[in-house]
Amino acid sequence: PPGALKTQKDSLELENRKKYVRDYENLTRTKIPLIVLEGNPVHKILSEVDDAPNSLIIMAANSKDRISFLNPHTSFLVAVRTSNSVLILPDEDINE
């Protein structure tokens, strides 16, 4: 969510995801460009990948989330609207 709507839980989840990426970078000695976008997630993601054809978009999704106007299934919308490959991974909460 954008800054004004971001809760403490959202901030904590973002920090945890950044830690996962850094841990993977350390394990594989690989640099992963991590981009944090604010705004409409579908539009922002698609605008980033438009400049990089033949890219792989990796996203997390929770199939238990309810779909609504304020909570669309972003991963589905991105996958439908891009010509790039999309890998959608289940959110870690599903496995708990």
Protein backbone atom coordinates (compact mmCIF):
# COMPACT_ATOMS: atom_id res chain seq x y z
CA PRO A 1 0.00 0.00 0.00
CA PRO A 2 1.08 3.61 -0.46
CA GLY A 3 2.71 5.38 2.44
CA ALA A 4 -0.46 6.90 3.93
CA LEU A 5 -2.28 3.55 3.91
CA LYS A 6 0.67 1.41 4.97
CA THR A 7 0.28 -0.27 8.34
CA GLN A 8 3.05 -1.45 10.64
CA LYS A 9 2.27 -5.02 9.52
CA ASP A 10 2.76 -4.01 5.85
CA SER A 11 6.12 -2.43 6.68
CA LEU A 12 7.23 -5.52 8.58
CA GLU A 13 6.20 -7.82 5.69
CA LEU A 14 8.17 -5.67 3.23
CA GLU A 15 11.27 -5.80 5.42
CA ASN A 16 10.93 -9.59 5.72
CA ARG A 17 10.75 -9.95 1.93
CA LYS A 18 13.84 -7.77 1.55
CA LYS A 19 15.65 -10.01 4.04
CA TYR A 20 14.72 -13.10 2.01
CA VAL A 21 16.20 -11.52 -1.11
CA ARG A 22 19.39 -10.48 0.70
CA ASP A 23 19.76 -13.96 2.21
CA TYR A 24 19.42 -15.53 -1.23
CA GLU A 25 21.95 -13.06 -2.63
CA ASN A 26 24.41 -14.03 0.11
CA LEU A 27 23.88 -17.75 -0.44
CA THR A 28 24.26 -17.62 -4.22
CA ARG A 29 26.67 -14.67 -4.44
CA THR A 30 24.29 -13.16 -6.97
CA LYS A 31 22.98 -9.60 -7.11
CA ILE A 32 19.19 -9.42 -7.45
CA PRO A 33 17.69 -6.07 -8.39
CA LEU A 34 14.86 -5.53 -5.90
CA ILE A 35 12.40 -2.84 -6.94
CA VAL A 36 9.75 -1.58 -4.51
CA LEU A 37 6.97 0.22 -6.34
CA GLU A 38 4.20 2.39 -4.90
CA GLY A 39 0.93 3.08 -6.64
CA ASN A 40 -1.28 0.82 -8.72
CA PRO A 41 0.67 -2.44 -8.57
CA VAL A 42 -0.47 -3.75 -11.96
CA HIS A 43 0.37 -0.53 -13.80
CA LYS A 44 3.69 -0.07 -11.99
CA ILE A 45 4.87 -3.64 -12.60
CA LEU A 46 3.86 -3.54 -16.26
CA SER A 47 5.59 -0.17 -16.78
CA GLU A 48 8.82 -1.63 -15.34
CA VAL A 49 8.80 -4.75 -17.51
CA ASP A 50 7.81 -2.95 -20.71
CA ASP A 51 11.42 -1.75 -20.92
CA ALA A 52 12.77 -5.29 -20.46
CA PRO A 53 11.25 -7.73 -22.94
CA ASN A 54 11.85 -11.45 -22.40
CA SER A 55 12.02 -10.97 -18.64
CA LEU A 56 10.73 -13.27 -15.92
CA ILE A 57 8.35 -11.71 -13.43
CA ILE A 58 8.28 -13.52 -10.08
CA MET A 59 5.35 -12.74 -7.81
CA ALA A 60 3.79 -14.08 -4.64
CA ALA A 61 0.05 -14.65 -4.32
CA ASN A 62 -2.32 -15.87 -1.66
CA SER A 63 -5.22 -17.81 -3.14
CA LYS A 64 -7.18 -17.40 0.10
CA ASP A 65 -7.40 -13.63 -0.35
CA ARG A 66 -10.82 -12.30 -1.18
CA ILE A 67 -11.08 -10.37 -4.45
CA SER A 68 -12.49 -6.85 -4.22
CA PHE A 69 -12.10 -3.47 -5.88
CA LEU A 70 -9.43 -2.50 -3.32
CA ASN A 71 -7.81 -5.97 -3.25
CA PRO A 72 -7.63 -7.42 -6.79
CA HIS A 73 -5.56 -10.46 -7.62
CA THR A 74 -2.58 -8.48 -8.85
CA SER A 75 -0.59 -11.52 -9.95
CA PHE A 76 -3.43 -12.71 -12.20
CA LEU A 77 -3.89 -9.26 -13.76
CA VAL A 78 -0.16 -8.91 -14.44
CA ALA A 79 0.02 -12.40 -15.97
CA VAL A 80 -2.91 -11.67 -18.28
CA ARG A 81 -1.63 -8.27 -19.41
CA THR A 82 2.05 -8.98 -20.11
CA SER A 83 3.82 -10.87 -22.86
CA ASN A 84 6.68 -11.74 -20.48
CA SER A 85 6.86 -14.97 -18.50
CA VAL A 86 5.30 -14.86 -15.03
CA LEU A 87 6.07 -17.23 -12.15
CA ILE A 88 3.52 -16.99 -9.34
CA LEU A 89 4.59 -18.53 -6.04
CA PRO A 90 2.24 -19.23 -3.14
CA ASP A 91 2.58 -16.86 -0.24
CA GLU A 92 4.34 -18.40 2.76
CA ASP A 93 1.21 -17.96 4.91
CA ILE A 94 -0.62 -20.66 2.94
CA ASN A 95 1.80 -23.35 4.06
CA GLU A 96 1.45 -22.61 7.77
